[in-house]
Amino acid sequence: MASSRGGSGSITGSNTAKSMVTDQISQAILSTSNLLHLMQTSSPSQTQLVKLPKNLLSKTPTIKNTGQLLEHMPRVISSLDVHMENAMQSAPHLQTVIQLLSNMESSQLSSLSQVHRPREKINLLNWSKEIIHFFPYQKSEFVSD
């Protein structure tokens, strides 16, 4: 909630403005819905009501539903605000997890490269033995007196 943010005036003002706008829209929709309902039930207005476009009458339930949804909006916004604040507080922990995963990855890569190094040394040793086997030489052949 906004009050748990440490007295941030602009956030509280923003929430108040949102709440006022939501209330005004909700009130306008409810007033329109009530007016249509009164017109439907009063007999002198029935003839006037028939002249209204048919699709306006078909939208009456939608207008009522919109009004109900708008009544719930402040609670929804407040709930989202709490979830966002919790997520922001969890960000440092997420950074720690990312660092741990990075360390694990580099450790695994390091151990894999160490596993390959002894093989490379053994292969190099075997290769040098094969060369010596194929090209035997005597020290006296290469040393000139």
N, C-alpha and C. Protein backbone atom coordinates (compact mmCIF):
# COMPACT_ATOMS: atom_id res chain seq x y z
N MET A 1 0.82 -1.17 0.00
CA MET A 1 0.00 0.00 0.00
C MET A 1 0.87 1.23 0.00
N ALA A 2 0.29 2.34 -0.33
CA ALA A 2 1.06 3.57 -0.44
C ALA A 2 1.62 4.00 0.91
N SER A 3 0.88 3.77 1.99
CA SER A 3 1.36 4.21 3.29
C SER A 3 2.57 3.42 3.74
N SER A 4 2.79 2.24 3.24
CA SER A 4 3.94 1.43 3.63
C SER A 4 5.19 1.81 2.87
N ARG A 5 5.12 2.77 1.99
CA ARG A 5 6.28 3.17 1.21
C ARG A 5 7.12 4.21 1.92
N GLY A 6 6.75 4.58 3.12
CA GLY A 6 7.58 5.52 3.83
C GLY A 6 7.16 6.96 3.62
N GLY A 7 5.90 7.23 3.43
CA GLY A 7 5.41 8.59 3.36
C GLY A 7 5.70 9.30 2.06
N SER A 8 5.73 8.61 0.98
CA SER A 8 5.98 9.25 -0.31
C SER A 8 4.75 10.02 -0.73
N GLY A 9 4.83 11.35 -0.71
CA GLY A 9 3.68 12.20 -0.97
C GLY A 9 3.14 12.06 -2.37
N SER A 10 4.00 11.95 -3.37
CA SER A 10 3.52 11.88 -4.75
C SER A 10 2.79 10.58 -5.01
N ILE A 11 3.23 9.50 -4.37
CA ILE A 11 2.55 8.21 -4.57
C ILE A 11 1.18 8.25 -3.92
N THR A 12 1.10 8.82 -2.70
CA THR A 12 -0.18 8.92 -2.02
C THR A 12 -1.12 9.82 -2.82
N GLY A 13 -0.60 10.94 -3.31
CA GLY A 13 -1.41 11.84 -4.13
C GLY A 13 -1.89 11.17 -5.39
N SER A 14 -1.03 10.38 -5.99
CA SER A 14 -1.38 9.65 -7.21
C SER A 14 -2.50 8.66 -6.94
N ASN A 15 -2.38 7.94 -5.81
CA ASN A 15 -3.42 6.97 -5.46
C ASN A 15 -4.74 7.68 -5.16
N THR A 16 -4.67 8.85 -4.51
CA THR A 16 -5.87 9.61 -4.22
C THR A 16 -6.52 10.07 -5.52
N ALA A 17 -5.72 10.55 -6.46
CA ALA A 17 -6.26 10.99 -7.75
C ALA A 17 -6.89 9.83 -8.49
N LYS A 18 -6.22 8.68 -8.50
CA LYS A 18 -6.77 7.50 -9.17
C LYS A 18 -8.10 7.12 -8.54
N SER A 19 -8.14 7.16 -7.22
CA SER A 19 -9.35 6.79 -6.51
C SER A 19 -10.49 7.75 -6.84
N MET A 20 -10.18 9.05 -6.91
CA MET A 20 -11.21 10.03 -7.23
C MET A 20 -11.75 9.83 -8.64
N VAL A 21 -10.86 9.61 -9.60
CA VAL A 21 -11.28 9.39 -10.98
C VAL A 21 -12.12 8.13 -11.07
N THR A 22 -11.65 7.08 -10.42
CA THR A 22 -12.40 5.81 -10.43
C THR A 22 -13.79 6.01 -9.84
N ASP A 23 -13.85 6.73 -8.72
CA ASP A 23 -15.16 6.99 -8.09
C ASP A 23 -16.08 7.78 -9.01
N GLN A 24 -15.53 8.79 -9.69
CA GLN A 24 -16.36 9.62 -10.58
C GLN A 24 -16.87 8.82 -11.77
N ILE A 25 -16.00 8.01 -12.37
CA ILE A 25 -16.42 7.18 -13.51
C ILE A 25 -17.48 6.18 -13.05
N SER A 26 -17.21 5.57 -11.92
CA SER A 26 -18.15 4.58 -11.40
C SER A 26 -19.50 5.23 -11.12
N GLN A 27 -19.49 6.41 -10.53
CA GLN A 27 -20.74 7.12 -10.23
C GLN A 27 -21.50 7.48 -11.51
N ALA A 28 -20.77 7.93 -12.53
CA ALA A 28 -21.42 8.29 -13.80
C ALA A 28 -22.07 7.07 -14.44
N ILE A 29 -21.38 5.95 -14.40
CA ILE A 29 -21.94 4.72 -15.00
C ILE A 29 -23.16 4.26 -14.22
N LEU A 30 -23.07 4.29 -12.89
CA LEU A 30 -24.21 3.88 -12.08
C LEU A 30 -25.41 4.81 -12.29
N SER A 31 -25.13 6.11 -12.41
CA SER A 31 -26.22 7.07 -12.66
C SER A 31 -26.90 6.79 -13.99
N THR A 32 -26.11 6.52 -15.02
CA THR A 32 -26.66 6.20 -16.34
C THR A 32 -27.49 4.93 -16.27
N SER A 33 -26.96 3.95 -15.57
CA SER A 33 -27.67 2.68 -15.45
C SER A 33 -28.99 2.87 -14.70
N ASN A 34 -28.94 3.64 -13.61
CA ASN A 34 -30.17 3.90 -12.84
C ASN A 34 -31.19 4.67 -13.67
N LEU A 35 -30.72 5.64 -14.44
CA LEU A 35 -31.62 6.41 -15.30
C LEU A 35 -32.31 5.51 -16.32
N LEU A 36 -31.54 4.63 -16.95
CA LEU A 36 -32.15 3.70 -17.91
C LEU A 36 -33.16 2.79 -17.23
N HIS A 37 -32.83 2.34 -16.03
CA HIS A 37 -33.75 1.46 -15.31
C HIS A 37 -35.05 2.20 -14.97
N LEU A 38 -34.93 3.45 -14.52
CA LEU A 38 -36.13 4.24 -14.22
C LEU A 38 -36.97 4.47 -15.47
N MET A 39 -36.28 4.74 -16.57
CA MET A 39 -37.01 4.97 -17.82
C MET A 39 -37.73 3.70 -18.27
N GLN A 40 -37.12 2.56 -18.01
CA GLN A 40 -37.77 1.30 -18.40
C GLN A 40 -39.01 1.03 -17.56
N THR A 41 -38.97 1.41 -16.30
CA THR A 41 -40.08 1.07 -15.41
C THR A 41 -41.21 2.10 -15.41
N SER A 42 -40.94 3.33 -15.80
CA SER A 42 -42.02 4.34 -15.79
C SER A 42 -42.76 4.31 -17.12
N SER A 43 -44.08 4.26 -17.06
CA SER A 43 -44.88 4.11 -18.28
C SER A 43 -44.82 5.31 -19.21
N PRO A 44 -44.81 6.58 -18.74
CA PRO A 44 -44.74 7.68 -19.71
C PRO A 44 -43.41 7.69 -20.48
N SER A 45 -42.37 7.19 -19.85
CA SER A 45 -41.06 7.20 -20.51
C SER A 45 -40.89 6.03 -21.47
N GLN A 46 -41.77 5.07 -21.40
CA GLN A 46 -41.65 3.89 -22.25
C GLN A 46 -41.61 4.27 -23.73
N THR A 47 -42.44 5.18 -24.14
CA THR A 47 -42.46 5.57 -25.55
C THR A 47 -41.16 6.28 -25.94
N GLN A 48 -40.65 7.07 -25.01
CA GLN A 48 -39.38 7.74 -25.26
C GLN A 48 -38.24 6.72 -25.34
N LEU A 49 -38.32 5.74 -24.48
CA LEU A 49 -37.27 4.72 -24.40
C LEU A 49 -37.22 3.88 -25.66
N VAL A 50 -38.36 3.62 -26.26
CA VAL A 50 -38.42 2.83 -27.48
C VAL A 50 -37.67 3.54 -28.60
N LYS A 51 -37.64 4.86 -28.54
CA LYS A 51 -36.95 5.62 -29.57
C LYS A 51 -35.43 5.56 -29.45
N LEU A 52 -34.95 5.19 -28.28
CA LEU A 52 -33.49 5.08 -28.11
C LEU A 52 -32.95 3.96 -29.01
N PRO A 53 -31.75 4.11 -29.46
CA PRO A 53 -31.17 3.04 -30.28
C PRO A 53 -31.16 1.71 -29.52
N LYS A 54 -31.48 0.67 -30.25
CA LYS A 54 -31.57 -0.65 -29.63
C LYS A 54 -30.25 -1.09 -29.01
N ASN A 55 -29.14 -0.70 -29.63
CA ASN A 55 -27.87 -1.20 -29.08
C ASN A 55 -27.52 -0.53 -27.75
N LEU A 56 -28.09 0.67 -27.48
CA LEU A 56 -27.87 1.30 -26.18
C LEU A 56 -28.53 0.46 -25.09
N LEU A 57 -29.74 -0.01 -25.39
CA LEU A 57 -30.43 -0.88 -24.43
C LEU A 57 -29.68 -2.19 -24.24
N SER A 58 -29.11 -2.70 -25.31
CA SER A 58 -28.39 -3.96 -25.18
C SER A 58 -27.09 -3.80 -24.40
N LYS A 59 -26.62 -2.56 -24.28
CA LYS A 59 -25.37 -2.32 -23.55
C LYS A 59 -25.60 -2.06 -22.06
N THR A 60 -26.85 -2.00 -21.63
CA THR A 60 -27.14 -1.73 -20.22
C THR A 60 -26.46 -2.74 -19.29
N PRO A 61 -26.54 -4.05 -19.54
CA PRO A 61 -25.84 -4.99 -18.65
C PRO A 61 -24.32 -4.78 -18.65
N THR A 62 -23.78 -4.42 -19.81
CA THR A 62 -22.34 -4.17 -19.89
C THR A 62 -21.97 -2.96 -19.06
N ILE A 63 -22.82 -1.93 -19.11
CA ILE A 63 -22.57 -0.72 -18.32
C ILE A 63 -22.61 -1.06 -16.83
N LYS A 64 -23.59 -1.87 -16.42
CA LYS A 64 -23.68 -2.28 -15.01
C LYS A 64 -22.44 -3.08 -14.60
N ASN A 65 -22.01 -4.00 -15.46
CA ASN A 65 -20.81 -4.80 -15.15
C ASN A 65 -19.58 -3.92 -15.05
N THR A 66 -19.49 -2.93 -15.95
CA THR A 66 -18.35 -2.01 -15.91
C THR A 66 -18.34 -1.25 -14.59
N GLY A 67 -19.51 -0.83 -14.16
CA GLY A 67 -19.61 -0.13 -12.87
C GLY A 67 -19.14 -1.01 -11.73
N GLN A 68 -19.53 -2.27 -11.75
CA GLN A 68 -19.10 -3.19 -10.69
C GLN A 68 -17.59 -3.41 -10.73
N LEU A 69 -17.06 -3.53 -11.95
CA LEU A 69 -15.61 -3.70 -12.07
C LEU A 69 -14.86 -2.48 -11.56
N LEU A 70 -15.37 -1.31 -11.88
CA LEU A 70 -14.72 -0.08 -11.43
C LEU A 70 -14.77 0.06 -9.91
N GLU A 71 -15.81 -0.48 -9.30
CA GLU A 71 -15.87 -0.47 -7.83
C GLU A 71 -14.74 -1.30 -7.23
N HIS A 72 -14.33 -2.35 -7.93
CA HIS A 72 -13.26 -3.23 -7.43
C HIS A 72 -11.87 -2.70 -7.75
N MET A 73 -11.77 -1.77 -8.67
CA MET A 73 -10.45 -1.31 -9.13
C MET A 73 -9.54 -0.78 -8.02
N PRO A 74 -10.01 0.03 -7.08
CA PRO A 74 -9.08 0.50 -6.04
C PRO A 74 -8.44 -0.65 -5.26
N ARG A 75 -9.20 -1.69 -4.96
CA ARG A 75 -8.63 -2.85 -4.24
C ARG A 75 -7.63 -3.59 -5.12
N VAL A 76 -7.95 -3.71 -6.41
CA VAL A 76 -7.03 -4.38 -7.33
C VAL A 76 -5.73 -3.61 -7.45
N ILE A 77 -5.84 -2.29 -7.60
CA ILE A 77 -4.64 -1.46 -7.72
C ILE A 77 -3.82 -1.54 -6.44
N SER A 78 -4.48 -1.51 -5.31
CA SER A 78 -3.78 -1.60 -4.03
C SER A 78 -3.06 -2.94 -3.91
N SER A 79 -3.72 -4.01 -4.32
CA SER A 79 -3.11 -5.34 -4.27
C SER A 79 -1.90 -5.43 -5.20
N LEU A 80 -2.02 -4.88 -6.39
CA LEU A 80 -0.89 -4.86 -7.32
C LEU A 80 0.27 -4.04 -6.76
N ASP A 81 -0.05 -2.95 -6.10
CA ASP A 81 0.97 -2.10 -5.49
C ASP A 81 1.74 -2.89 -4.43
N VAL A 82 1.04 -3.66 -3.62
CA VAL A 82 1.70 -4.48 -2.60
C VAL A 82 2.60 -5.52 -3.25
N HIS A 83 2.12 -6.18 -4.30
CA HIS A 83 2.94 -7.19 -4.99
C HIS A 83 4.17 -6.56 -5.63
N MET A 84 4.02 -5.39 -6.21
CA MET A 84 5.17 -4.71 -6.82
C MET A 84 6.19 -4.32 -5.75
N GLU A 85 5.71 -3.85 -4.62
CA GLU A 85 6.62 -3.47 -3.54
C GLU A 85 7.38 -4.70 -3.03
N ASN A 86 6.68 -5.81 -2.88
CA ASN A 86 7.35 -7.05 -2.46
C ASN A 86 8.38 -7.50 -3.49
N ALA A 87 8.05 -7.35 -4.75
CA ALA A 87 9.00 -7.73 -5.81
C ALA A 87 10.24 -6.84 -5.76
N MET A 88 10.03 -5.56 -5.52
CA MET A 88 11.17 -4.64 -5.44
C MET A 88 12.06 -4.97 -4.25
N GLN A 89 11.46 -5.40 -3.15
CA GLN A 89 12.24 -5.78 -1.97
C GLN A 89 12.98 -7.09 -2.21
N SER A 90 12.50 -7.92 -3.12
CA SER A 90 13.15 -9.20 -3.42
C SER A 90 14.28 -9.07 -4.43
N ALA A 91 14.41 -7.92 -5.06
CA ALA A 91 15.42 -7.73 -6.10
C ALA A 91 16.84 -8.02 -5.62
N PRO A 92 17.27 -7.56 -4.43
CA PRO A 92 18.63 -7.89 -3.98
C PRO A 92 18.84 -9.40 -3.84
N HIS A 93 17.82 -10.11 -3.39
CA HIS A 93 17.94 -11.57 -3.27
C HIS A 93 18.09 -12.21 -4.64
N LEU A 94 17.39 -11.67 -5.61
CA LEU A 94 17.50 -12.17 -6.98
C LEU A 94 18.91 -11.97 -7.50
N GLN A 95 19.51 -10.83 -7.18
CA GLN A 95 20.89 -10.57 -7.61
C GLN A 95 21.84 -11.59 -6.98
N THR A 96 21.60 -11.95 -5.72
CA THR A 96 22.43 -12.95 -5.05
C THR A 96 22.30 -14.31 -5.74
N VAL A 97 21.08 -14.68 -6.09
CA VAL A 97 20.85 -15.95 -6.78
C VAL A 97 21.55 -15.95 -8.14
N ILE A 98 21.47 -14.84 -8.86
CA ILE A 98 22.13 -14.74 -10.16
C ILE A 98 23.64 -14.91 -10.00
N GLN A 99 24.22 -14.28 -8.97
CA GLN A 99 25.66 -14.38 -8.73
C GLN A 99 26.04 -15.82 -8.38
N LEU A 100 25.23 -16.48 -7.56
CA LEU A 100 25.51 -17.88 -7.20
C LEU A 100 25.47 -18.78 -8.44
N LEU A 101 24.48 -18.58 -9.28
CA LEU A 101 24.39 -19.38 -10.51
C LEU A 101 25.58 -19.13 -11.42
N SER A 102 26.00 -17.89 -11.50
CA SER A 102 27.17 -17.55 -12.32
C SER A 102 28.42 -18.23 -11.77
N ASN A 103 28.58 -18.20 -10.45
CA ASN A 103 29.73 -18.86 -9.83
C ASN A 103 29.71 -20.36 -10.06
N MET A 104 28.52 -20.96 -9.96
CA MET A 104 28.41 -22.41 -10.21
C MET A 104 28.79 -22.73 -11.64
N GLU A 105 28.34 -21.92 -12.58
CA GLU A 105 28.64 -22.16 -13.99
C GLU A 105 30.14 -22.06 -14.25
N SER A 106 30.77 -21.02 -13.71
CA SER A 106 32.21 -20.87 -13.95
C SER A 106 32.99 -21.98 -13.26
N SER A 107 32.50 -22.45 -12.11
CA SER A 107 33.16 -23.57 -11.42
C SER A 107 33.06 -24.85 -12.25
N GLN A 108 31.89 -25.09 -12.82
CA GLN A 108 31.71 -26.28 -13.66
C GLN A 108 32.58 -26.20 -14.90
N LEU A 109 32.66 -25.03 -15.51
CA LEU A 109 33.51 -24.87 -16.69
C LEU A 109 34.97 -25.08 -16.34
N SER A 110 35.35 -24.59 -15.17
CA SER A 110 36.73 -24.75 -14.73
C SER A 110 37.06 -26.23 -14.50
N SER A 111 36.14 -26.94 -13.85
CA SER A 111 36.40 -28.37 -13.60
C SER A 111 36.40 -29.16 -14.90
N LEU A 112 35.56 -28.77 -15.85
CA LEU A 112 35.56 -29.46 -17.15
C LEU A 112 36.88 -29.23 -17.89
N SER A 113 37.39 -28.02 -17.82
CA SER A 113 38.65 -27.75 -18.51
C SER A 113 39.81 -28.48 -17.83
N GLN A 114 39.73 -28.69 -16.51
CA GLN A 114 40.77 -29.44 -15.82
C GLN A 114 40.70 -30.92 -16.16
N VAL A 115 39.52 -31.43 -16.41
CA VAL A 115 39.37 -32.83 -16.80
C VAL A 115 40.01 -33.05 -18.17
N HIS A 116 39.88 -32.08 -19.06
CA HIS A 116 40.45 -32.21 -20.40
C HIS A 116 41.96 -32.01 -20.42
N ARG A 117 42.52 -31.26 -19.50
CA ARG A 117 43.96 -30.99 -19.50
C ARG A 117 44.79 -32.26 -19.31
N PRO A 118 44.49 -33.11 -18.32
CA PRO A 118 45.31 -34.33 -18.20
C PRO A 118 45.25 -35.20 -19.45
N ARG A 119 44.10 -35.26 -20.08
CA ARG A 119 43.99 -36.04 -21.31
C ARG A 119 44.90 -35.45 -22.38
N GLU A 120 44.92 -34.12 -22.45
CA GLU A 120 45.79 -33.48 -23.44
C GLU A 120 47.25 -33.80 -23.17
N LYS A 121 47.63 -33.81 -21.88
CA LYS A 121 49.02 -34.13 -21.53
C LYS A 121 49.34 -35.58 -21.89
N ILE A 122 48.41 -36.48 -21.59
CA ILE A 122 48.62 -37.90 -21.92
C ILE A 122 48.72 -38.06 -23.43
N ASN A 123 47.84 -37.41 -24.17
CA ASN A 123 47.88 -37.51 -25.63
C ASN A 123 49.18 -36.96 -26.18
N LEU A 124 49.66 -35.86 -25.63
CA LEU A 124 50.92 -35.28 -26.08
C LEU A 124 52.08 -36.23 -25.77
N LEU A 125 52.04 -36.85 -24.61
CA LEU A 125 53.09 -37.80 -24.23
C LEU A 125 53.08 -39.00 -25.17
N ASN A 126 51.91 -39.55 -25.44
CA ASN A 126 51.81 -40.69 -26.36
C ASN A 126 52.26 -40.30 -27.76
N TRP A 127 51.91 -39.12 -28.20
CA TRP A 127 52.29 -38.65 -29.52
C TRP A 127 53.81 -38.53 -29.61
N SER A 128 54.44 -37.99 -28.58
CA SER A 128 55.90 -37.86 -28.61
C SER A 128 56.57 -39.24 -28.59
N LYS A 129 56.00 -40.21 -27.88
CA LYS A 129 56.57 -41.57 -27.88
C LYS A 129 56.46 -42.20 -29.26
N GLU A 130 55.33 -41.95 -29.93
CA GLU A 130 55.16 -42.50 -31.28
C GLU A 130 56.16 -41.89 -32.25
N ILE A 131 56.38 -40.62 -32.12
CA ILE A 131 57.36 -39.97 -33.00
C ILE A 131 58.74 -40.57 -32.78
N ILE A 132 59.10 -40.74 -31.53
CA ILE A 132 60.41 -41.31 -31.23
C ILE A 132 60.49 -42.74 -31.77
N HIS A 133 59.40 -43.47 -31.66
CA HIS A 133 59.38 -44.85 -32.15
C HIS A 133 59.57 -44.89 -33.68
N PHE A 134 58.91 -43.98 -34.40
CA PHE A 134 59.02 -43.97 -35.85
C PHE A 134 60.34 -43.38 -36.34
N PHE A 135 60.89 -42.49 -35.60
CA PHE A 135 62.13 -41.84 -36.01
C PHE A 135 63.22 -42.08 -34.97
N PRO A 136 63.67 -43.28 -34.85
CA PRO A 136 64.73 -43.53 -33.87
C PRO A 136 66.02 -42.87 -34.36
N TYR A 137 66.72 -42.35 -33.46
CA TYR A 137 68.00 -41.73 -33.83
C TYR A 137 69.01 -42.00 -32.73
N GLN A 138 70.20 -41.85 -33.14
CA GLN A 138 71.30 -42.00 -32.19
C GLN A 138 71.91 -40.64 -32.00
N LYS A 139 72.36 -40.43 -30.84
CA LYS A 139 72.91 -39.13 -30.51
C LYS A 139 74.09 -38.81 -31.42
N SER A 140 74.85 -39.79 -31.77
CA SER A 140 76.05 -39.55 -32.57
C SER A 140 75.71 -39.10 -33.98
N GLU A 141 74.55 -39.44 -34.47
CA GLU A 141 74.17 -39.04 -35.81
C GLU A 141 73.96 -37.54 -35.93
N PHE A 142 73.55 -36.90 -34.84
CA PHE A 142 73.23 -35.47 -34.90
C PHE A 142 74.34 -34.59 -34.36
N VAL A 143 75.22 -35.18 -33.64
CA VAL A 143 76.29 -34.38 -33.06
C VAL A 143 77.50 -34.47 -33.96
N SER A 144 78.01 -33.36 -34.37
CA SER A 144 79.20 -33.39 -35.22
C SER A 144 80.42 -33.09 -34.37
N ASP A 145 81.46 -33.84 -34.63
CA ASP A 145 82.67 -33.67 -33.83
C ASP A 145 83.56 -32.64 -34.40
